[in-house]
PDB file of N, CA and C in Angstrom:
ATOM      1  N   MET A   1       1.241 -27.781 -56.735  1.00  0.00           N
ATOM      2  CA  MET A   1       1.380 -29.387 -56.087  1.00  0.00           C
ATOM      3  C   MET A   1       2.696 -29.373 -55.188  1.00  0.00           C
ATOM      4  N   ALA A   2       2.560 -29.892 -54.363  1.00  0.00           N
ATOM      5  CA  ALA A   2       3.456 -30.258 -53.268  1.00  0.00           C
ATOM      6  C   ALA A   2       3.751 -31.671 -53.814  1.00  0.00           C
ATOM      7  N   SER A   3       5.100 -32.063 -54.252  1.00  0.00           N
ATOM      8  CA  SER A   3       6.382 -33.417 -54.852  1.00  0.00           C
ATOM      9  C   SER A   3       6.074 -34.083 -53.306  1.00  0.00           C
ATOM     10  N   LYS A   4       5.112 -35.394 -53.942  1.00  0.00           N
ATOM     11  CA  LYS A   4       5.087 -37.086 -52.987  1.00  0.00           C
ATOM     12  C   LYS A   4       6.756 -37.805 -52.877  1.00  0.00           C
ATOM     13  N   GLN A   5       7.958 -36.850 -53.309  1.00  0.00           N
ATOM     14  CA  GLN A   5       8.915 -37.059 -53.014  1.00  0.00           C
ATOM     15  C   GLN A   5       9.663 -37.684 -51.480  1.00  0.00           C
ATOM     16  N   ASN A   6       9.062 -36.313 -51.003  1.00  0.00           N
ATOM     17  CA  ASN A   6       9.516 -36.196 -49.415  1.00  0.00           C
ATOM     18  C   ASN A   6       8.617 -37.111 -48.147  1.00  0.00           C
ATOM     19  N   ILE A   7       7.636 -37.977 -48.960  1.00  0.00           N
ATOM     20  CA  ILE A   7       6.982 -38.736 -48.167  1.00  0.00           C
ATOM     21  C   ILE A   7       7.781 -39.865 -47.675  1.00  0.00           C
ATOM     22  N   LYS A   8       8.305 -40.341 -46.464  1.00  0.00           N
ATOM     23  CA  LYS A   8       8.619 -41.816 -46.046  1.00  0.00           C
ATOM     24  C   LYS A   8       7.665 -42.616 -45.635  1.00  0.00           C
ATOM     25  N   PRO A   9       8.263 -43.581 -46.176  1.00  0.00           N
ATOM     26  CA  PRO A   9       6.858 -44.880 -45.451  1.00  0.00           C
ATOM     27  C   PRO A   9       7.093 -44.561 -44.177  1.00  0.00           C
ATOM     28  N   ALA A  10       6.202 -45.445 -43.226  1.00  0.00           N
ATOM     29  CA  ALA A  10       6.064 -45.570 -41.728  1.00  0.00           C
ATOM     30  C   ALA A  10       7.112 -46.555 -42.114  1.00  0.00           C
ATOM     31  N   PRO A  11       7.729 -46.592 -40.605  1.00  0.00           N
ATOM     32  CA  PRO A  11       8.833 -47.779 -40.107  1.00  0.00           C
ATOM     33  C   PRO A  11       8.435 -48.838 -40.128  1.00  0.00           C
ATOM     34  N   ARG A  12       8.883 -49.694 -40.566  1.00  0.00           N
ATOM     35  CA  ARG A  12       8.022 -51.236 -40.375  1.00  0.00           C
ATOM     36  C   ARG A  12       8.516 -51.711 -39.238  1.00  0.00           C
ATOM     37  N   ARG A  13       7.142 -52.091 -38.719  1.00  0.00           N
ATOM     38  CA  ARG A  13       7.616 -52.765 -37.851  1.00  0.00           C
ATOM     39  C   ARG A  13       8.366 -54.849 -37.420  1.00  0.00           C
ATOM     40  N   ARG A  14       9.033 -55.317 -36.535  1.00  0.00           N
ATOM     41  CA  ARG A  14      10.093 -56.153 -36.683  1.00  0.00           C
ATOM     42  C   ARG A  14       9.474 -57.306 -36.089  1.00  0.00           C
ATOM     43  N   SER A  15       9.353 -58.557 -37.345  1.00  0.00           N
ATOM     44  CA  SER A  15       8.311 -59.549 -36.864  1.00  0.00           C
ATOM     45  C   SER A  15       9.192 -60.406 -35.578  1.00  0.00           C
ATOM     46  N   LYS A  16       8.132 -61.222 -35.219  1.00  0.00           N
ATOM     47  CA  LYS A  16       8.768 -62.007 -33.730  1.00  0.00           C
ATOM     48  C   LYS A  16       9.544 -62.740 -34.242  1.00  0.00           C
ATOM     49  N   ARG A  17       9.882 -63.412 -35.508  1.00  0.00           N
ATOM     50  CA  ARG A  17      10.359 -64.234 -35.950  1.00  0.00           C
ATOM     51  C   ARG A  17      12.197 -63.382 -36.529  1.00  0.00           C
ATOM     52  N   GLU A  18      12.218 -61.630 -36.513  1.00  0.00           N
ATOM     53  CA  GLU A  18      13.154 -60.962 -36.459  1.00  0.00           C
ATOM     54  C   GLU A  18      13.987 -61.253 -35.635  1.00  0.00           C
ATOM     55  N   ARG A  19      13.320 -60.695 -34.461  1.00  0.00           N
ATOM     56  CA  ARG A  19      13.538 -60.295 -33.305  1.00  0.00           C
ATOM     57  C   ARG A  19      13.597 -61.732 -32.702  1.00  0.00           C
ATOM     58  N   ARG A  20      13.371 -62.673 -32.871  1.00  0.00           N
ATOM     59  CA  ARG A  20      13.907 -64.237 -32.012  1.00  0.00           C
ATOM     60  C   ARG A  20      15.495 -64.206 -32.751  1.00  0.00           C
ATOM     61  N   MET A  21      15.244 -64.354 -33.930  1.00  0.00           N
ATOM     62  CA  MET A  21      16.699 -64.237 -34.636  1.00  0.00           C
ATOM     63  C   MET A  21      17.987 -63.239 -33.634  1.00  0.00           C
ATOM     64  N   ARG A  22      17.236 -62.171 -33.862  1.00  0.00           N
ATOM     65  CA  ARG A  22      18.574 -60.819 -33.187  1.00  0.00           C
ATOM     66  C   ARG A  22      19.033 -61.515 -31.849  1.00  0.00           C
ATOM     67  N   LEU A  23      17.960 -61.552 -30.967  1.00  0.00           N
ATOM     68  CA  LEU A  23      18.060 -61.970 -29.621  1.00  0.00           C
ATOM     69  C   LEU A  23      19.075 -63.363 -29.192  1.00  0.00           C
ATOM     70  N   ALA A  24      18.691 -64.449 -30.207  1.00  0.00           N
ATOM     71  CA  ALA A  24      19.743 -65.474 -30.586  1.00  0.00           C
ATOM     72  C   ALA A  24      21.176 -65.153 -30.910  1.00  0.00           C
ATOM     73  N   VAL A  25      21.305 -64.513 -31.634  1.00  0.00           N
ATOM     74  CA  VAL A  25      22.201 -63.591 -31.895  1.00  0.00           C
ATOM     75  C   VAL A  25      23.319 -63.440 -30.845  1.00  0.00           C
ATOM     76  N   TYR A  26      22.732 -62.111 -30.108  1.00  0.00           N
ATOM     77  CA  TYR A  26      23.417 -61.499 -29.061  1.00  0.00           C
ATOM     78  C   TYR A  26      23.370 -62.588 -28.311  1.00  0.00           C
ATOM     79  N   ILE A  27      22.431 -63.432 -27.669  1.00  0.00           N
ATOM     80  CA  ILE A  27      23.091 -64.600 -26.818  1.00  0.00           C
ATOM     81  C   ILE A  27      24.240 -65.451 -26.832  1.00  0.00           C
ATOM     82  N   MET A  28      24.484 -65.914 -28.502  1.00  0.00           N
ATOM     83  CA  MET A  28      25.349 -66.380 -28.697  1.00  0.00           C
ATOM     84  C   MET A  28      27.240 -65.583 -28.741  1.00  0.00           C
ATOM     85  N   ILE A  29      26.481 -64.639 -28.874  1.00  0.00           N
ATOM     86  CA  ILE A  29      27.561 -63.465 -28.995  1.00  0.00           C
ATOM     87  C   ILE A  29      27.839 -63.592 -27.043  1.00  0.00           C
ATOM     88  N   ILE A  30      27.450 -63.183 -26.377  1.00  0.00           N
ATOM     89  CA  ILE A  30      27.799 -62.690 -25.068  1.00  0.00           C
ATOM     90  C   ILE A  30      28.307 -64.282 -24.991  1.00  0.00           C
ATOM     91  N   ALA A  31      27.418 -65.458 -24.999  1.00  0.00           N
ATOM     92  CA  ALA A  31      28.409 -66.564 -24.621  1.00  0.00           C
ATOM     93  C   ALA A  31      29.603 -66.952 -25.270  1.00  0.00           C
ATOM     94  N   MET A  32      30.132 -66.717 -26.270  1.00  0.00           N
ATOM     95  CA  MET A  32      31.238 -66.575 -26.678  1.00  0.00           C
ATOM     96  C   MET A  32      32.284 -65.188 -25.815  1.00  0.00           C
ATOM     97  N   VAL A  33      32.135 -64.644 -25.865  1.00  0.00           N
ATOM     98  CA  VAL A  33      32.775 -63.332 -24.868  1.00  0.00           C
ATOM     99  C   VAL A  33      32.797 -64.283 -23.659  1.00  0.00           C
ATOM    100  N   VAL A  34      31.680 -64.595 -22.805  1.00  0.00           N
ATOM    101  CA  VAL A  34      32.231 -64.884 -21.608  1.00  0.00           C
ATOM    102  C   VAL A  34      32.579 -66.528 -21.521  1.00  0.00           C
ATOM    103  N   SER A  35      32.763 -67.204 -22.483  1.00  0.00           N
ATOM    104  CA  SER A  35      33.523 -68.105 -22.678  1.00  0.00           C
ATOM    105  C   SER A  35      34.914 -68.085 -22.922  1.00  0.00           C
ATOM    106  N   THR A  36      35.592 -67.168 -23.203  1.00  0.00           N
ATOM    107  CA  THR A  36      36.695 -66.127 -23.610  1.00  0.00           C
ATOM    108  C   THR A  36      37.565 -66.235 -22.594  1.00  0.00           C
ATOM    109  N   ILE A  37      36.469 -65.123 -21.669  1.00  0.00           N
ATOM    110  CA  ILE A  37      37.057 -64.438 -20.209  1.00  0.00           C
ATOM    111  C   ILE A  37      36.894 -65.860 -19.472  1.00  0.00           C
ATOM    112  N   THR A  38      36.897 -66.712 -19.551  1.00  0.00           N
ATOM    113  CA  THR A  38      36.752 -68.088 -18.667  1.00  0.00           C
ATOM    114  C   THR A  38      38.195 -68.638 -18.665  1.00  0.00           C
ATOM    115  N   TYR A  39      37.954 -69.311 -20.232  1.00  0.00           N
ATOM    116  CA  TYR A  39      39.157 -69.778 -20.768  1.00  0.00           C
ATOM    117  C   TYR A  39      40.658 -68.719 -20.710  1.00  0.00           C
ATOM    118  N   GLY A  40      40.402 -67.882 -20.563  1.00  0.00           N
ATOM    119  CA  GLY A  40      41.761 -66.621 -20.540  1.00  0.00           C
ATOM    120  C   GLY A  40      42.257 -66.439 -18.781  1.00  0.00           C
ATOM    121  N   LEU A  41      41.079 -66.579 -17.945  1.00  0.00           N
ATOM    122  CA  LEU A  41      40.846 -66.732 -16.688  1.00  0.00           C
ATOM    123  C   LEU A  41      41.707 -68.317 -16.082  1.00  0.00           C
ATOM    124  N   ALA A  42      41.043 -69.310 -16.603  1.00  0.00           N
ATOM    125  CA  ALA A  42      41.666 -70.501 -16.224  1.00  0.00           C
ATOM    126  C   ALA A  42      43.216 -70.456 -16.969  1.00  0.00           C
ATOM    127  N   PHE A  43      43.812 -70.015 -17.932  1.00  0.00           N
ATOM    128  CA  PHE A  43      44.729 -69.852 -18.647  1.00  0.00           C
ATOM    129  C   PHE A  43      45.797 -69.201 -17.255  1.00  0.00           C
ATOM    130  N   VAL A  44      45.481 -68.054 -16.704  1.00  0.00           N
ATOM    131  CA  VAL A  44      46.449 -66.965 -15.670  1.00  0.00           C
ATOM    132  C   VAL A  44      46.170 -68.044 -14.755  1.00  0.00           C
ATOM    133  N   ILE A  45      44.957 -68.986 -14.765  1.00  0.00           N
ATOM    134  CA  ILE A  45      44.796 -69.164 -13.174  1.00  0.00           C
ATOM    135  C   ILE A  45      46.512 -70.706 -13.238  1.00  0.00           C
ATOM    136  N   ASN A  46      46.235 -71.007 -14.249  1.00  0.00           N
ATOM    137  CA  ASN A  46      47.196 -72.283 -14.236  1.00  0.00           C
ATOM    138  C   ASN A  46      48.751 -72.099 -14.283  1.00  0.00           C
ATOM    139  N   LEU A  47      49.057 -70.657 -14.809  1.00  0.00           N
ATOM    140  CA  LEU A  47      50.260 -70.671 -14.706  1.00  0.00           C
ATOM    141  C   LEU A  47      51.001 -70.134 -13.569  1.00  0.00           C
TER     142      LEU A  47
END
């Protein structure tokens, strides 16, 4: 008899809510990076 231990469950599809949350996190991270860069540029220009 073949053992059933090596049978893996099918990969679960992400729900719309999970994808939306991940997208929101990515947008926030990008916004932080852009604001940091623009702050640095403003600081350099004012020197």
